[in-house]
Amino acid sequence: MTTNETSREAIIAKTKKFLSEEFEVDPETITPDAPLKETLALDSLDYVDLVVVIEENFGFKVNGEAFMQMVTFKDFFDHIEANVTAKA
């Protein structure tokens, strides 16, 4: 990924795009303070789908324990940004 693709804004835009497509939610509902699980209506199978989509879009393995600690989209974006930055 280039620097432009690893900026927080680019990560958020890319994440909103694939989440809205994969989970059929309005991208406007994906805000930093919104609850991740409730906004995406995630059940246990959806978590697996979400992990796969993250891995496909950002190229890193998702740590299940860290993933379960994420409550809001801010937590989610922070986790992706940290991993993308570490990988770059």
Protein backbone atom coordinates (compact mmCIF):
# COMPACT_ATOMS: atom_id res chain seq x y z
CA MET A 1 0.00 0.00 0.00
CA THR A 2 1.15 3.49 -0.72
CA THR A 3 1.19 6.28 1.85
CA ASN A 4 -2.09 7.62 0.44
CA GLU A 5 -3.71 4.21 0.95
CA THR A 6 -2.45 3.99 4.52
CA SER A 7 -3.71 7.39 5.67
CA ARG A 8 -6.45 7.25 8.25
CA GLU A 9 -8.89 8.94 5.87
CA ALA A 10 -8.18 6.37 3.13
CA ILE A 11 -8.53 3.49 5.58
CA ILE A 12 -11.87 4.83 6.84
CA ALA A 13 -13.18 5.42 3.31
CA LYS A 14 -12.13 1.94 2.14
CA THR A 15 -13.55 0.35 5.30
CA LYS A 16 -16.90 2.15 4.98
CA LYS A 17 -17.15 1.05 1.35
CA PHE A 18 -16.61 -2.65 1.96
CA LEU A 19 -18.66 -2.71 5.16
CA SER A 20 -21.63 -1.02 3.50
CA GLU A 21 -21.43 -3.47 0.58
CA GLU A 22 -20.77 -6.63 2.61
CA PHE A 23 -23.22 -5.94 5.45
CA GLU A 24 -25.72 -3.83 3.50
CA VAL A 25 -25.65 -0.85 5.84
CA ASP A 26 -25.81 2.83 5.04
CA PRO A 27 -22.23 4.18 5.09
CA GLU A 28 -23.57 7.24 6.96
CA THR A 29 -24.28 4.99 9.97
CA ILE A 30 -20.60 4.05 10.17
CA THR A 31 -19.34 6.79 12.47
CA PRO A 32 -16.46 6.66 14.98
CA ASP A 33 -18.76 6.51 18.02
CA ALA A 34 -21.28 4.05 16.56
CA PRO A 35 -21.31 0.57 18.12
CA LEU A 36 -19.67 -1.90 15.73
CA LYS A 37 -21.72 -5.00 16.52
CA GLU A 38 -25.12 -3.29 16.61
CA THR A 39 -24.57 -1.09 13.55
CA LEU A 40 -23.55 -4.04 11.39
CA ALA A 41 -26.02 -6.43 13.11
CA LEU A 42 -23.20 -8.94 13.58
CA ASP A 43 -23.76 -12.49 14.71
CA SER A 44 -20.98 -15.05 15.18
CA LEU A 45 -20.90 -16.01 11.48
CA ASP A 46 -20.78 -12.35 10.48
CA TYR A 47 -17.67 -11.90 12.64
CA VAL A 48 -15.96 -14.59 10.57
CA ASP A 49 -17.04 -12.83 7.37
CA LEU A 50 -15.77 -9.52 8.72
CA VAL A 51 -12.38 -11.00 9.60
CA VAL A 52 -12.06 -12.44 6.08
CA VAL A 53 -13.03 -9.12 4.48
CA ILE A 54 -10.46 -7.25 6.59
CA GLU A 55 -7.75 -9.74 5.65
CA GLU A 56 -8.66 -9.49 1.94
CA ASN A 57 -8.76 -5.69 1.93
CA PHE A 58 -5.80 -4.88 4.16
CA GLY A 59 -3.57 -7.96 3.99
CA PHE A 60 -3.07 -8.72 7.68
CA LYS A 61 -4.34 -11.45 9.97
CA VAL A 62 -6.88 -10.26 12.50
CA ASN A 63 -6.16 -11.14 16.12
CA GLY A 64 -9.40 -12.60 17.44
CA GLU A 65 -8.83 -11.42 21.00
CA ALA A 66 -8.12 -7.85 19.90
CA PHE A 67 -11.11 -8.00 17.59
CA MET A 68 -13.45 -8.95 20.40
CA GLN A 69 -12.25 -5.89 22.38
CA MET A 70 -13.50 -3.52 19.67
CA VAL A 71 -16.70 -1.76 20.69
CA THR A 72 -16.95 1.25 18.38
CA PHE A 73 -15.90 1.96 14.82
CA LYS A 74 -13.14 4.17 16.24
CA ASP A 75 -11.69 1.07 17.91
CA PHE A 76 -12.07 -0.79 14.63
CA PHE A 77 -10.41 1.96 12.56
CA ASP A 78 -7.59 2.30 15.13
CA HIS A 79 -6.90 -1.44 14.92
CA ILE A 80 -6.80 -1.45 11.13
CA GLU A 81 -4.65 1.68 11.00
CA ALA A 82 -2.15 0.27 13.50
CA ASN A 83 -1.80 -2.98 11.56
CA VAL A 84 -1.59 -1.32 8.16
CA THR A 85 1.02 1.13 9.46
CA ALA A 86 3.06 -1.67 11.07
CA LYS A 87 2.94 -3.63 7.83
CA ALA A 88 3.96 -0.68 5.61
